[in-house]
Protein backbone atom coordinates (compact mmCIF):
# COMPACT_ATOMS: atom_id res chain seq x y z
CA MET A 1 22.28 -0.54 -31.99
CA PHE A 2 25.69 -2.16 -32.46
CA GLU A 3 25.05 -2.70 -36.16
CA LEU A 4 25.39 1.09 -36.46
CA SER A 5 28.90 1.12 -34.92
CA MET A 6 31.74 2.50 -37.05
CA TRP A 7 35.55 2.45 -36.84
CA ARG A 8 36.01 5.87 -38.46
CA CYS A 9 33.88 8.97 -38.27
CA SER A 10 33.70 12.67 -39.07
CA ASP A 11 35.11 15.33 -36.74
CA GLU A 12 31.51 16.37 -35.98
CA LEU A 13 30.59 12.91 -34.69
CA LEU A 14 33.89 12.53 -32.84
CA VAL A 15 33.26 15.75 -30.91
CA ARG A 16 29.74 14.63 -29.98
CA ALA A 17 30.91 11.18 -28.82
CA ASN A 18 33.70 12.68 -26.70
CA GLU A 19 31.26 15.14 -25.13
CA LEU A 20 29.02 12.30 -24.09
CA HIS A 21 31.91 10.23 -22.78
CA ARG A 22 33.26 13.14 -20.72
CA SER A 23 29.88 14.28 -19.46
CA SER A 24 29.41 14.80 -15.72
CA LYS A 25 28.62 11.87 -13.44
CA LYS A 26 25.13 13.22 -12.93
CA ASP A 27 24.35 12.98 -16.64
CA SER A 28 26.22 9.78 -17.46
CA LYS A 29 25.54 7.52 -14.50
CA HIS A 30 22.64 5.88 -16.32
CA TYR A 31 25.06 4.61 -18.98
CA ILE A 32 27.94 3.52 -16.71
CA GLU A 33 27.36 -0.19 -17.28
CA PHE A 34 27.08 0.42 -21.01
CA TRP A 35 30.44 2.18 -21.21
CA LYS A 36 32.25 -0.23 -18.89
CA LYS A 37 31.87 -3.02 -21.43
CA ASP A 38 33.20 -0.85 -24.22
CA PRO A 39 37.04 -0.79 -24.26
CA PRO A 40 38.80 2.23 -25.84
CA SER A 41 39.90 0.16 -28.81
CA GLU A 42 36.33 -0.52 -29.91
CA PRO A 43 34.20 1.82 -32.05
CA TYR A 44 32.33 4.74 -30.53
CA ARG A 45 28.72 3.96 -29.78
CA VAL A 46 26.38 6.92 -29.70
CA ILE A 47 23.45 6.83 -27.29
CA LEU A 48 20.41 7.76 -29.36
CA SER A 49 18.36 10.54 -27.82
CA ASP A 50 16.56 11.86 -30.91
CA VAL A 51 16.62 11.82 -34.68
CA ASN A 52 19.50 14.34 -34.71
CA ALA A 53 21.90 11.64 -33.48
CA LEU A 54 20.91 9.39 -36.36
CA GLU A 55 21.34 12.20 -38.87
CA LEU A 56 24.78 12.85 -37.39
CA CYS A 57 25.74 9.21 -37.99
CA PHE A 58 24.35 9.41 -41.53
CA ARG A 59 26.39 12.51 -42.36
CA SER A 60 29.50 10.97 -40.84
CA LEU A 61 29.23 7.81 -42.96
CA CYS A 62 28.70 9.84 -46.11
CA SER A 63 31.68 12.11 -45.43
CA CYS A 64 33.94 9.10 -44.79
CA GLY A 65 33.12 7.42 -48.08
CA ASP A 66 30.62 4.94 -46.65
CA ARG A 67 27.55 6.23 -48.48
CA ALA A 68 26.53 2.69 -49.46
CA ILE A 69 26.29 1.75 -45.78
CA ALA A 70 24.48 4.98 -44.89
CA ASP A 71 21.86 4.32 -47.58
CA GLY A 72 21.18 0.86 -46.17
CA SER A 73 19.61 -0.03 -42.84
CA LEU A 74 20.52 3.34 -41.29
CA LEU A 75 18.49 5.26 -43.86
CA ASP A 76 15.58 2.86 -43.35
CA PHE A 77 15.83 3.38 -39.61
CA LEU A 78 15.96 7.17 -40.08
CA ARG A 79 12.76 7.10 -42.09
CA GLN A 80 11.05 4.89 -39.48
CA VAL A 81 12.07 7.18 -36.61
CA SER A 82 11.00 10.26 -38.58
CA THR A 83 7.60 8.66 -39.15
CA PHE A 84 6.90 6.91 -35.86
CA GLY A 85 9.37 8.43 -33.39
CA LEU A 86 11.82 6.50 -31.21
CA SER A 87 9.07 5.14 -28.98
CA LEU A 88 6.72 4.12 -31.86
CA VAL A 89 3.65 4.33 -29.61
CA ARG A 90 2.93 5.81 -26.21
CA LEU A 91 3.05 3.29 -23.41
CA ASP A 92 0.75 2.95 -20.44
CA ILE A 93 2.00 2.00 -17.00
CA ARG A 94 -0.40 -0.53 -15.48
CA LYS A 95 -0.01 -1.78 -11.93
CA GLU A 96 -2.24 -3.11 -9.21
CA SER A 97 -3.41 -0.39 -6.83
CA ASP A 98 -1.84 -2.10 -3.80
CA ARG A 99 1.59 -1.36 -5.30
CA HIS A 100 0.64 2.32 -5.49
CA THR A 101 -0.29 2.28 -1.82
CA GLU A 102 3.05 0.66 -0.94
CA VAL A 103 4.96 3.32 -2.90
CA MET A 104 3.04 6.15 -1.26
CA ASP A 105 3.62 4.57 2.14
CA ALA A 106 7.37 4.39 1.52
CA ILE A 107 7.40 8.07 0.50
CA THR A 108 5.44 9.32 3.51
CA ASN A 109 7.60 7.27 5.88
CA HIS A 110 10.76 8.64 4.27
CA LEU A 111 9.43 12.17 4.68
CA GLU A 112 8.55 11.33 8.30
CA ASN A 113 4.92 12.20 7.62
CA GLY A 114 3.57 8.91 8.96
CA SER A 115 2.25 5.77 7.32
CA TYR A 116 0.13 6.31 4.20
CA LYS A 117 -1.37 2.84 4.66
CA GLY A 118 -2.74 3.80 8.05
CA TRP A 119 -4.32 7.07 6.93
CA SER A 120 -8.02 7.53 6.33
CA GLU A 121 -9.28 8.03 2.79
CA GLU A 122 -9.89 11.75 3.47
CA ARG A 123 -6.33 12.30 4.70
CA ARG A 124 -4.85 10.43 1.72
CA GLN A 125 -6.72 12.64 -0.73
CA GLU A 126 -5.75 15.79 1.16
CA TRP A 127 -2.05 14.86 1.15
CA LEU A 128 -2.04 13.90 -2.56
CA ARG A 129 -3.71 17.18 -3.55
CA SER A 130 -1.25 19.18 -1.48
CA GLU A 131 1.69 17.45 -3.18
CA LEU A 132 0.27 18.07 -6.63
CA VAL A 133 -0.11 21.81 -6.07
CA GLY A 134 3.04 22.16 -3.94
CA LYS A 135 6.56 23.09 -5.07
CA ARG A 136 8.09 19.71 -4.31
CA PRO A 137 9.14 18.18 -7.71
CA LEU A 138 7.29 15.05 -8.73
CA PHE A 139 10.38 13.68 -10.51
CA GLY A 140 14.00 13.77 -9.44
CA PRO A 141 16.48 15.81 -11.50
CA ASP A 142 18.60 12.74 -12.24
CA LEU A 143 15.88 10.75 -13.97
CA PRO A 144 16.96 9.70 -17.47
CA LYS A 145 15.24 11.77 -20.10
CA LYS A 146 12.74 10.01 -22.34
CA PRO A 147 11.44 11.09 -25.74
CA LYS A 148 8.33 13.20 -25.47
CA LYS A 149 5.07 11.31 -25.56
CA SER A 150 6.76 7.95 -24.92
CA LEU A 151 4.68 7.51 -21.77
CA THR A 152 1.03 8.46 -21.53
CA CYS A 153 -0.67 7.58 -18.26
CA TRP A 154 -0.45 5.43 -15.16
CA THR A 155 -3.40 3.11 -14.57
CA PRO A 156 -3.92 1.40 -11.20
CA SER A 157 -6.02 -1.75 -11.45
CA MET A 158 -8.44 -2.79 -8.74
CA SER A 159 -8.98 0.84 -7.73
CA TYR A 160 -11.89 1.25 -5.35
CA GLN A 161 -11.06 4.62 -3.77
CA ASN A 162 -10.73 8.14 -5.15
CA SER A 163 -7.25 8.63 -3.67
CA LEU A 164 -5.93 6.05 -6.14
CA LEU A 165 -7.08 8.23 -9.05
CA THR A 166 -6.31 11.72 -7.76
CA ALA A 167 -2.84 11.91 -9.35
CA ILE A 168 -3.98 10.79 -12.82
CA LEU A 169 -4.28 14.14 -14.63
CA SER A 170 -3.64 13.06 -18.21
CA GLN A 171 -6.95 11.32 -18.92
CA PRO A 172 -9.04 12.78 -21.78
CA PRO A 173 -12.39 14.35 -20.87
CA ASP A 174 -14.24 12.29 -23.54
CA THR A 175 -13.79 8.78 -24.80
CA ILE A 176 -12.88 9.57 -28.41
CA GLN A 177 -11.47 12.90 -29.61
CA GLY A 178 -10.18 11.96 -33.04
CA SER A 179 -8.03 9.17 -31.60
CA LEU A 180 -8.51 5.77 -30.03
CA ARG A 181 -6.23 3.86 -27.66
CA VAL A 182 -6.41 0.08 -27.88
CA ILE A 183 -4.81 -2.62 -25.73
CA PHE A 184 -4.23 -6.03 -27.27
CA GLN A 185 -3.85 -8.95 -24.89
CA GLU A 186 -1.13 -11.46 -25.72
CA GLU A 187 -3.70 -14.25 -25.87
CA VAL A 188 -5.28 -12.83 -29.05
CA MET A 189 -2.17 -11.33 -30.65
CA GLU A 190 -1.82 -14.17 -33.15
CA GLN A 191 -5.51 -13.97 -34.03
CA SER A 192 -5.18 -10.29 -34.96
CA PHE A 193 -1.57 -10.04 -36.21
CA GLY A 194 -0.50 -13.64 -36.92
CA GLU A 195 -0.51 -13.22 -40.71
CA GLU A 196 0.22 -10.27 -42.97
CA HIS A 197 -3.34 -9.85 -44.25
CA LEU A 198 -4.72 -10.12 -40.70
CA CYS A 199 -2.28 -7.48 -39.52
CA PHE A 200 -3.33 -4.98 -42.18
CA ARG A 201 -7.01 -5.72 -41.67
CA THR A 202 -6.71 -5.23 -37.91
CA LEU A 203 -4.79 -1.98 -38.27
CA GLN A 204 -7.31 -0.74 -40.82
CA ARG A 205 -10.32 -1.30 -38.61
CA TYR A 206 -9.37 1.13 -35.87
CA PRO A 207 -8.66 4.27 -37.92
CA ASP A 208 -11.76 3.47 -40.00
CA ALA A 209 -13.92 3.26 -36.89
CA THR A 210 -12.36 6.41 -35.43
CA LEU A 211 -12.94 8.36 -38.65
CA GLU A 212 -16.49 7.10 -38.88
CA HIS A 213 -17.14 8.18 -35.31
CA GLY A 214 -15.83 11.64 -36.11
CA MET A 215 -17.89 12.02 -39.28
CA HIS A 216 -21.05 10.53 -37.78
CA PRO A 217 -20.94 11.23 -34.05
CA PRO A 218 -23.58 9.47 -31.96
CA VAL A 219 -26.69 11.34 -30.91
CA SER A 220 -26.30 13.01 -27.54
CA PRO A 221 -28.44 11.17 -24.99
CA LYS A 222 -31.54 12.89 -23.75
CA SER A 223 -32.02 13.49 -20.04
CA GLU A 224 -34.88 10.96 -19.90
CA TRP A 225 -32.62 8.35 -21.51
CA ARG A 226 -30.00 8.92 -18.85
CA ALA A 227 -32.59 8.62 -16.12
CA LEU A 228 -33.83 5.33 -17.58
CA MET A 229 -30.27 3.98 -17.88
CA ASP A 230 -29.52 4.96 -14.28
CA GLU A 231 -32.60 3.07 -13.14
CA MET A 232 -31.67 0.05 -15.26
CA ALA A 233 -28.10 0.13 -13.92
CA ILE A 234 -29.32 0.00 -10.33
CA ILE A 235 -31.58 -2.98 -11.02
CA SER A 236 -28.97 -4.78 -13.12
CA THR A 237 -26.19 -4.24 -10.57
CA GLU A 238 -28.32 -5.52 -7.73
CA LYS A 239 -29.26 -8.64 -9.71
CA TYR A 240 -25.64 -9.29 -10.68
CA ARG A 241 -24.28 -8.83 -7.17
CA SER A 242 -27.05 -10.90 -5.62
CA ILE A 243 -25.70 -13.89 -7.55
CA VAL A 244 -21.95 -13.28 -7.84
CA PHE A 245 -21.21 -11.81 -4.41
CA LYS A 246 -24.15 -12.64 -2.14
CA GLU A 247 -25.07 -16.17 -3.21
CA PRO A 248 -23.02 -18.50 -0.92
CA ARG A 249 -23.00 -21.32 -3.49
CA PHE A 250 -21.67 -19.23 -6.37
CA VAL A 251 -17.89 -19.48 -5.82
CA GLU A 252 -18.00 -23.26 -5.39
CA TYR A 253 -20.26 -23.60 -8.43
CA PHE A 254 -18.05 -21.40 -10.61
CA ARG A 255 -14.88 -23.31 -9.74
CA LEU A 256 -16.43 -26.73 -10.22
CA ALA A 257 -18.58 -26.09 -13.31
CA SER A 258 -15.85 -24.34 -15.33
CA PRO A 259 -12.13 -24.89 -16.13
CA GLU A 260 -11.12 -21.92 -13.92
CA LEU A 261 -9.01 -24.00 -11.53
CA GLU A 262 -7.11 -25.74 -14.34
CA PHE A 263 -6.63 -22.50 -16.26
CA ALA A 264 -4.96 -20.95 -13.21
CA ARG A 265 -2.42 -23.80 -13.05
CA MET A 266 -1.52 -23.76 -16.73
CA ASN A 267 0.90 -21.39 -18.39
CA ILE A 268 -1.40 -20.27 -21.21
CA GLY A 269 -2.10 -16.69 -20.12
CA SER A 270 -0.02 -13.53 -20.20
CA ARG A 271 -0.27 -13.00 -16.43
CA PRO A 272 -1.35 -14.88 -13.31
CA SER A 273 -5.09 -15.49 -13.36
CA LYS A 274 -5.46 -13.85 -9.94
CA ARG A 275 -4.03 -10.61 -8.60
CA LYS A 276 -3.94 -12.19 -5.14
CA PRO A 277 -3.52 -15.98 -4.87
CA SER A 278 -5.62 -16.07 -1.71
CA GLY A 279 -8.38 -13.81 -3.04
CA GLY A 280 -11.87 -14.73 -4.15
CA ILE A 281 -13.90 -13.80 -7.23
CA GLU A 282 -13.03 -10.11 -6.83
CA SER A 283 -9.29 -10.87 -7.23
CA LEU A 284 -9.71 -12.64 -10.59
CA ARG A 285 -8.42 -10.81 -13.61
CA ALA A 286 -10.90 -10.02 -16.36
CA ILE A 287 -9.48 -12.54 -18.83
CA PRO A 288 -9.82 -15.76 -16.76
CA TRP A 289 -13.19 -14.58 -15.42
CA ILE A 290 -14.66 -14.17 -18.92
CA PHE A 291 -12.55 -16.99 -20.36
CA ALA A 292 -13.95 -19.61 -17.97
CA TRP A 293 -17.58 -18.75 -18.77
CA THR A 294 -16.86 -18.57 -22.50
CA GLN A 295 -15.39 -22.07 -22.43
CA THR A 296 -18.65 -23.48 -21.04
CA ARG A 297 -20.74 -21.47 -23.55
CA PHE A 298 -22.70 -19.84 -20.73
CA HIS A 299 -21.32 -16.25 -20.89
CA LEU A 300 -22.76 -15.44 -17.48
CA PRO A 301 -20.95 -12.09 -16.88
CA VAL A 302 -22.37 -10.71 -20.13
CA TRP A 303 -26.08 -11.35 -19.63
CA LEU A 304 -26.58 -11.72 -15.87
CA GLY A 305 -28.61 -8.73 -14.72
CA VAL A 306 -29.19 -7.49 -18.26
CA THR A 307 -32.83 -7.73 -19.23
CA ILE A 308 -32.93 -5.41 -22.29
CA ASP A 309 -29.71 -4.96 -24.17
CA LEU A 310 -28.31 -5.76 -27.58
CA VAL A 311 -26.40 -8.90 -26.70
CA GLU A 312 -27.81 -11.14 -29.42
CA MET A 313 -24.38 -12.28 -30.59
CA VAL A 314 -23.51 -13.53 -27.11
CA PHE A 315 -26.73 -15.53 -26.87
CA ALA A 316 -26.19 -16.87 -30.39
CA LYS A 317 -22.82 -18.24 -29.26
CA GLY A 318 -24.21 -19.55 -25.99
CA ASP A 319 -25.64 -23.00 -25.29
CA PRO A 320 -27.14 -23.73 -21.87
CA GLY A 321 -27.24 -27.41 -22.80
CA ILE A 322 -23.43 -27.46 -22.90
CA ALA A 323 -23.31 -25.66 -19.56
CA ALA A 324 -25.64 -28.35 -18.17
CA LEU A 325 -23.17 -31.03 -19.30
CA TYR A 326 -20.38 -29.34 -17.36
CA ASP A 327 -22.68 -29.20 -14.32
CA LYS A 328 -23.56 -32.90 -14.55
CA LEU A 329 -19.96 -34.05 -14.93
CA LEU A 330 -18.12 -31.58 -12.69
CA ALA A 331 -20.41 -29.98 -10.11
CA SER A 332 -21.71 -31.76 -7.02
CA GLU A 333 -25.38 -32.74 -7.03
CA ASP A 334 -26.28 -30.17 -4.38
CA LEU A 335 -25.24 -27.45 -6.86
CA TRP A 336 -27.30 -28.74 -9.80
CA SER A 337 -30.38 -26.80 -8.72
CA PHE A 338 -28.32 -23.59 -8.64
CA GLY A 339 -27.14 -24.26 -12.18
CA GLN A 340 -30.73 -24.88 -13.29
CA GLN A 341 -31.74 -21.55 -11.73
CA LEU A 342 -29.02 -19.71 -13.67
CA ARG A 343 -30.04 -21.40 -16.92
CA ALA A 344 -33.64 -20.35 -16.29
CA ASP A 345 -32.40 -16.75 -15.86
CA TYR A 346 -30.49 -17.16 -19.12
CA GLU A 347 -33.61 -18.22 -21.03
CA GLU A 348 -35.67 -15.42 -19.45
CA THR A 349 -33.11 -12.79 -20.44
CA LYS A 350 -32.98 -14.24 -23.95
CA SER A 351 -36.79 -13.99 -24.29
CA TYR A 352 -36.72 -10.35 -23.14
CA LEU A 353 -33.99 -9.61 -25.65
CA LEU A 354 -35.92 -11.08 -28.57
CA LYS A 355 -39.06 -9.23 -27.50
CA ILE A 356 -37.32 -5.86 -27.34
CA ALA A 357 -35.48 -6.47 -30.64
CA GLY A 358 -38.71 -7.60 -32.32
CA HIS A 359 -37.06 -10.81 -33.54
CA ARG A 360 -38.30 -14.38 -33.56
CA ASP A 361 -34.77 -15.82 -33.72
CA LEU A 362 -31.36 -14.62 -32.59
CA LEU A 363 -29.39 -12.58 -35.15
CA GLU A 364 -32.42 -12.32 -37.40
CA GLY A 365 -31.11 -8.98 -38.60
CA ASN A 366 -27.60 -10.30 -39.30
CA PRO A 367 -27.89 -13.45 -41.41
CA TYR A 368 -24.20 -13.38 -42.40
CA LEU A 369 -22.99 -13.61 -38.80
CA LYS A 370 -25.72 -16.13 -38.01
CA GLN A 371 -24.46 -18.42 -40.80
CA ARG A 372 -20.84 -18.10 -39.67
CA LEU A 373 -21.73 -19.08 -36.12
CA ARG A 374 -23.85 -21.96 -37.33
CA LEU A 375 -20.94 -23.37 -39.36
CA ARG A 376 -18.63 -23.25 -36.33
CA GLN A 377 -21.12 -24.60 -33.81
CA SER A 378 -20.71 -28.34 -34.46
CA TYR A 379 -16.92 -28.13 -34.14
CA ILE A 380 -17.09 -26.08 -30.93
CA THR A 381 -19.67 -28.43 -29.43
CA ALA A 382 -17.38 -31.42 -30.05
CA LEU A 383 -14.54 -29.58 -28.32
CA ASN A 384 -16.83 -28.71 -25.39
CA VAL A 385 -17.79 -32.35 -24.87
CA CYS A 386 -14.15 -33.41 -25.10
CA GLN A 387 -13.14 -30.72 -22.60
CA ALA A 388 -15.88 -31.58 -20.11
CA TYR A 389 -14.88 -35.26 -20.02
CA THR A 390 -11.18 -34.33 -19.88
CA LEU A 391 -11.84 -32.12 -16.85
CA LYS A 392 -13.76 -34.99 -15.26
CA ARG A 393 -10.82 -37.36 -15.72
CA ILE A 394 -8.39 -34.76 -14.39
CA ARG A 395 -10.42 -34.16 -11.24
CA ASP A 396 -11.43 -37.78 -10.73
CA PRO A 397 -8.59 -40.19 -11.68
CA ASN A 398 -10.90 -43.15 -11.01
CA TYR A 399 -13.37 -42.02 -13.67
CA HIS A 400 -13.10 -43.98 -16.92
CA VAL A 401 -14.80 -43.36 -20.24
CA THR A 402 -15.66 -46.16 -22.64
CA LEU A 403 -13.88 -45.03 -25.78
CA ARG A 404 -15.57 -45.76 -29.10
CA PRO A 405 -13.44 -43.94 -31.67
CA HIS A 406 -14.84 -43.57 -35.17
CA LEU A 407 -11.42 -43.77 -36.79
CA SER A 408 -10.07 -45.43 -39.90
CA ARG A 409 -8.56 -48.91 -39.67
CA GLU A 410 -5.18 -47.44 -40.55
CA ILE A 411 -5.22 -45.40 -37.33
CA THR A 412 -6.81 -48.00 -35.06
CA ASP A 413 -4.35 -50.67 -36.20
CA SER A 414 -1.37 -48.45 -35.45
CA ARG A 415 1.25 -50.14 -33.34
CA LYS A 416 2.71 -46.96 -31.86
CA PRO A 417 3.80 -47.60 -28.25
CA ALA A 418 1.66 -46.05 -25.54
CA ALA A 419 4.84 -44.61 -24.02
CA GLU A 420 4.76 -41.94 -26.73
CA LEU A 421 1.80 -40.33 -24.98
CA VAL A 422 4.01 -39.51 -22.02
CA LYS A 423 6.22 -37.39 -24.29
CA LEU A 424 3.34 -34.96 -24.84
CA ASN A 425 4.07 -33.23 -21.56
CA PRO A 426 6.36 -35.20 -19.24
CA THR A 427 6.16 -32.56 -16.51
CA SER A 428 2.36 -32.65 -16.21
CA GLU A 429 0.85 -33.60 -12.86
CA TYR A 430 -2.04 -35.30 -14.65
CA ALA A 431 -2.32 -38.61 -16.49
CA PRO A 432 -0.55 -38.72 -19.90
CA GLY A 433 -2.20 -36.59 -22.55
CA LEU A 434 -4.89 -35.00 -20.36
CA GLU A 435 -3.25 -31.59 -19.90
CA ASP A 436 -2.37 -31.34 -23.59
CA THR A 437 -5.94 -32.28 -24.52
CA LEU A 438 -7.34 -29.66 -22.14
CA ILE A 439 -5.09 -26.91 -23.51
CA LEU A 440 -5.99 -27.80 -27.09
CA THR A 441 -9.72 -27.70 -26.32
CA MET A 442 -9.32 -24.35 -24.56
CA LYS A 443 -7.54 -22.86 -27.55
CA GLY A 444 -9.96 -24.39 -30.01
CA ILE A 445 -13.06 -23.14 -28.19
CA ALA A 446 -11.55 -19.67 -27.78
CA ALA A 447 -10.72 -19.56 -31.51
CA GLY A 448 -14.19 -20.73 -32.47
CA MET A 449 -15.99 -18.37 -30.13
CA GLN A 450 -13.73 -15.45 -31.08
CA ASN A 451 -13.77 -14.47 -27.40
CA THR A 452 -11.09 -15.10 -24.80
CA GLY A 453 -11.74 -12.45 -22.16
């Protein structure tokens, strides 16, 4: 913003700047801190509210003989704002549902209506509906004005009750109506936008897919299809929950046979791995939940409970033998039988999938993808083995591996001091080099699998 400051201006811009500076306290209080740091001797700085303010600056520069400056970065910025708007894209507000409950509780207590937290679900819904249709304003009059369409919707995560969704009125009735909203997690930002050609390819895919959907909309499901899917969903959900939520050994098995515990302690994600530090499986965020199973090549959340579905790619990337290695090294012996049971379910689901698809081998109908996965498999497998043994050494400091490196004599004869290993991560709580090795294997497996969560 301060690159657009100027020491002389047109009368038109001077009038506008003085109007803003002399505006009432109600209108200007949001900019008090901004103006305090701006002594009278410094240039006027116009708060941008829309493209008109930029055009005003442009005209002022031109009238004062600074056309060369106006035609520089300001003109570029004008064109960008005219094309994309000041907000570029609409933003979602995402917050855990407990925070919503706390806000509502503060409001009802302030209004002396009682404690929202203590109300029943029926009373919460009744109060929210009454507020939505009532005359009480939802926003205060002193809220700073934002450009239109800069905010789109508020999404509460971990929402289990209808009262948490009652106030969300901006959701579209269908999934795609000529537009598509996409959220990119920070973990895969480099993969999709790290290089110029990747950026253009990524941005091209989404409008292409949206246009294709509009030109060739999917066939509307028949009533008998819906009935069959409802029946399948009931069976699949019961199978999934019987393992993940009702099996007493599952939580212990998951935490021992995967890098979930280490992932939670390492700063390699965009947010904490759990919404509640003391919570169980249900408090895990989607990324670490899927990430942990992807690392072990087992992909349990994808196939568990699914007996007929097009998940060939997931099975092509999977390897129950690798998952068995993690079990042997990391899980206690009393959990090995549970792991064997899950791998038997995996093979059974895979056989059903091939039978329904009419294929003898996975990805029989997509040889290009099959070849790509085959080329990556040996590298990913090596990383899996390295990660499994690294996790073993992290969890059991007394465990030692007999190292037999197949390295050149130039490397093996190196006289580099062992103290250099400590410099890898001097703040690590593990033995030198282990945390760095684990992080590298996690990133390598995620890159090879093209799945992070």
